[in-house]
Amino acid sequence: MRFGPGGGRGGPGGPGGGGQAGQVAMSAFYTRRLADEVVLFPGQPALDLVSSAPLGGGLGGGPARLDFNSNVAWRGAGLALNGGWVSGYEVPGAVAAQDLSYSGAFTLNLRAFVGFDQRKELLRRHPFLKGLRVTLRADNLLDAAPEVRDAAGITPYTYQKGFLAPAGRTVEIALRKQF
């Protein structure tokens, strides 16, 4: 969706033209794995990845997943929010005491930027801003990671949060200047 002067089907600059138009975009995707099997060696039984997710330490994700993206941009500035949710699941062990339970996890990421080249009134007053772009990036805002518990309700050492999501929440500010 475009808004502002020159947005829409035509106008200056061709379809959707106009240098001052803003833009909004949103999307969401839901995925439900109904079947996912793998045979590791010929003659061996197939492993059901949907109900037990035994490969990769069980970190393949649950049977359901929801991803979303949204962003808005106008006059050289923008904001984007995206994230996803993965359902929880169980991974059976060789014996019941080795069963692992993975919780669901929801992640949220944010991006914001300002490019000063489209801010003509500001460039006239502060010409050193020409070619400057400032970006803020925050990943995993909620510091989310799946929780893994064994049959006794204890998190095994190798499944501690520091190992599953070592970066945790990260915030980055970037300055870019083109000369």
Protein backbone atom coordinates (compact mmCIF):
# COMPACT_ATOMS: atom_id res chain seq x y z
CA MET A 1 0.00 0.00 0.00
CA ARG A 2 1.37 3.41 -0.90
CA PHE A 3 0.25 6.71 0.55
CA GLY A 4 1.15 10.36 0.21
CA PRO A 5 1.50 12.62 -2.85
CA GLY A 6 2.15 10.72 -6.05
CA GLY A 7 1.18 7.34 -4.61
CA GLY A 8 -1.28 5.03 -6.26
CA ARG A 9 -1.50 3.81 -9.85
CA GLY A 10 0.05 6.69 -11.72
CA GLY A 11 1.18 10.26 -11.45
CA PRO A 12 4.63 11.77 -11.61
CA GLY A 13 7.32 9.17 -12.03
CA GLY A 14 5.14 6.44 -13.53
CA PRO A 15 3.16 3.71 -11.80
CA GLY A 16 3.17 4.25 -8.06
CA GLY A 17 5.43 7.22 -8.76
CA GLY A 18 6.19 10.28 -6.74
CA GLY A 19 9.25 10.58 -4.56
CA GLN A 20 7.30 11.52 -1.44
CA ALA A 21 5.02 8.48 -1.25
CA GLY A 22 5.18 6.23 1.74
CA GLN A 23 4.84 2.49 1.83
CA VAL A 24 3.27 -0.02 4.20
CA ALA A 25 3.72 -3.77 3.89
CA MET A 26 2.49 -6.61 6.08
CA SER A 27 2.56 -10.36 5.76
CA ALA A 28 1.95 -13.39 7.93
CA PHE A 29 2.58 -17.05 7.22
CA TYR A 30 1.36 -20.07 9.15
CA THR A 31 3.00 -23.43 8.54
CA ARG A 32 1.74 -26.74 9.85
CA ARG A 33 3.92 -29.75 9.12
CA LEU A 34 1.62 -32.71 8.54
CA ALA A 35 4.33 -35.20 7.59
CA ASP A 36 8.11 -35.01 7.60
CA GLU A 37 10.16 -38.19 7.57
CA VAL A 38 13.76 -39.09 6.84
CA VAL A 39 15.52 -42.42 6.31
CA LEU A 40 19.14 -42.26 7.46
CA PHE A 41 20.27 -45.62 6.06
CA PRO A 42 18.63 -47.96 3.54
CA GLY A 43 16.65 -50.65 5.30
CA GLN A 44 16.22 -48.58 8.48
CA PRO A 45 12.79 -47.33 9.57
CA ALA A 46 11.85 -43.76 8.72
CA LEU A 47 12.22 -41.19 11.50
CA ASP A 48 9.11 -39.07 12.06
CA LEU A 49 10.37 -35.49 12.38
CA VAL A 50 6.93 -34.02 13.10
CA SER A 51 6.07 -35.96 16.24
CA SER A 52 9.55 -36.39 17.69
CA ALA A 53 12.06 -34.12 15.89
CA PRO A 54 15.07 -36.31 16.80
CA LEU A 55 17.62 -34.74 14.44
CA GLY A 56 19.87 -31.82 15.36
CA GLY A 57 19.35 -32.29 19.08
CA GLY A 58 15.62 -31.76 18.61
CA LEU A 59 16.00 -28.09 17.69
CA GLY A 60 14.20 -28.42 14.37
CA GLY A 61 11.05 -26.80 15.70
CA GLY A 62 7.58 -28.07 16.46
CA PRO A 63 4.87 -29.00 14.00
CA ALA A 64 3.40 -25.46 13.90
CA ARG A 65 5.06 -22.17 13.03
CA LEU A 66 3.82 -18.59 12.55
CA ASP A 67 5.99 -15.90 10.93
CA PHE A 68 5.09 -12.26 10.36
CA ASN A 69 6.65 -9.17 8.78
CA SER A 70 5.48 -5.57 8.82
CA ASN A 71 7.15 -2.37 7.71
CA VAL A 72 6.41 1.24 6.99
CA ALA A 73 8.61 3.73 5.15
CA TRP A 74 8.10 7.39 4.35
CA ARG A 75 10.45 10.17 3.20
CA GLY A 76 13.64 8.23 3.83
CA ALA A 77 12.67 6.84 7.23
CA GLY A 78 11.34 3.42 8.04
CA LEU A 79 10.38 0.95 10.69
CA ALA A 80 10.16 -2.83 10.38
CA LEU A 81 8.89 -5.35 12.88
CA ASN A 82 9.11 -9.08 12.29
CA GLY A 83 9.08 -12.22 14.31
CA GLY A 84 7.85 -15.71 14.66
CA TRP A 85 6.43 -18.35 16.94
CA VAL A 86 7.29 -22.05 16.97
CA SER A 87 5.14 -24.55 18.83
CA GLY A 88 6.49 -26.79 21.55
CA TYR A 89 7.05 -30.52 21.09
CA GLU A 90 8.34 -33.68 22.74
CA VAL A 91 11.40 -35.72 21.81
CA PRO A 92 11.25 -39.30 23.11
CA GLY A 93 14.44 -40.78 24.52
CA ALA A 94 15.60 -44.39 24.54
CA VAL A 95 13.90 -44.71 27.94
CA ALA A 96 11.11 -42.56 29.40
CA ALA A 97 13.51 -40.79 31.77
CA GLN A 98 15.36 -39.40 28.74
CA ASP A 99 12.30 -37.79 27.12
CA LEU A 100 12.77 -34.08 26.47
CA SER A 101 10.05 -31.45 26.33
CA TYR A 102 10.69 -28.31 24.24
CA SER A 103 8.56 -25.25 24.93
CA GLY A 104 7.33 -22.98 22.19
CA ALA A 105 9.22 -19.75 21.55
CA PHE A 106 8.23 -16.31 20.25
CA THR A 107 10.87 -14.01 18.77
CA LEU A 108 10.48 -10.34 17.88
CA ASN A 109 12.92 -8.20 15.87
CA LEU A 110 12.92 -4.46 15.13
CA ARG A 111 14.64 -2.34 12.49
CA ALA A 112 14.44 1.45 12.24
CA PHE A 113 16.32 3.72 9.86
CA VAL A 114 16.58 7.32 8.73
CA GLY A 115 18.25 8.27 5.45
CA PHE A 116 18.67 12.03 5.27
CA ASP A 117 18.94 12.34 1.47
CA GLN A 118 15.15 12.61 1.11
CA ARG A 119 14.88 15.26 3.84
CA LYS A 120 15.57 18.28 1.60
CA GLU A 121 14.65 20.95 4.17
CA LEU A 122 17.02 19.40 6.70
CA LEU A 123 19.82 19.07 4.11
CA ARG A 124 19.59 22.79 3.32
CA ARG A 125 20.18 23.64 6.98
CA HIS A 126 22.71 20.86 7.66
CA PRO A 127 24.53 19.88 4.45
CA PHE A 128 26.87 17.45 6.28
CA LEU A 129 23.85 15.09 6.60
CA LYS A 130 23.94 14.40 2.86
CA GLY A 131 24.63 10.69 2.31
CA LEU A 132 24.11 9.83 6.01
CA ARG A 133 21.95 6.90 7.10
CA VAL A 134 21.35 5.89 10.73
CA THR A 135 20.03 2.40 11.46
CA LEU A 136 18.88 0.81 14.72
CA ARG A 137 18.61 -2.97 14.75
CA ALA A 138 17.32 -4.99 17.70
CA ASP A 139 17.10 -8.77 17.40
CA ASN A 140 15.28 -11.06 19.81
CA LEU A 141 13.76 -8.15 21.75
CA LEU A 142 12.08 -10.51 24.21
CA ASP A 143 15.32 -12.49 24.77
CA ALA A 144 13.42 -15.65 23.83
CA ALA A 145 14.73 -19.19 23.55
CA PRO A 146 12.95 -22.52 23.86
CA GLU A 147 13.04 -24.10 27.30
CA VAL A 148 14.02 -27.75 27.36
CA ARG A 149 13.07 -29.99 30.29
CA ASP A 150 13.60 -33.66 30.98
CA ALA A 151 11.03 -35.97 32.62
CA ALA A 152 12.05 -34.65 36.07
CA GLY A 153 11.46 -31.02 34.98
CA ILE A 154 15.18 -30.20 34.95
CA THR A 155 16.96 -28.46 32.07
CA PRO A 156 19.90 -30.62 30.91
CA TYR A 157 23.19 -28.73 30.90
CA THR A 158 23.63 -28.77 27.10
CA TYR A 159 20.15 -27.22 26.69
CA GLN A 160 20.75 -24.17 28.90
CA LYS A 161 19.62 -20.89 27.36
CA GLY A 162 23.21 -19.73 26.87
CA PHE A 163 23.82 -22.66 24.52
CA LEU A 164 20.49 -22.52 22.64
CA ALA A 165 20.52 -18.76 22.05
CA PRO A 166 24.07 -17.58 22.79
CA ALA A 167 23.59 -14.10 21.31
CA GLY A 168 20.42 -13.47 23.33
CA ARG A 169 19.04 -9.99 22.75
CA THR A 170 21.26 -7.86 20.51
CA VAL A 171 21.03 -4.14 19.77
CA GLU A 172 23.08 -2.47 17.05
CA ILE A 173 23.33 1.13 15.89
CA ALA A 174 24.94 1.75 12.52
CA LEU A 175 25.99 4.99 10.85
CA ARG A 176 26.71 5.01 7.13
CA LYS A 177 28.04 8.06 5.31
CA GLN A 178 28.47 8.11 1.55
CA PHE A 179 30.82 10.73 0.15
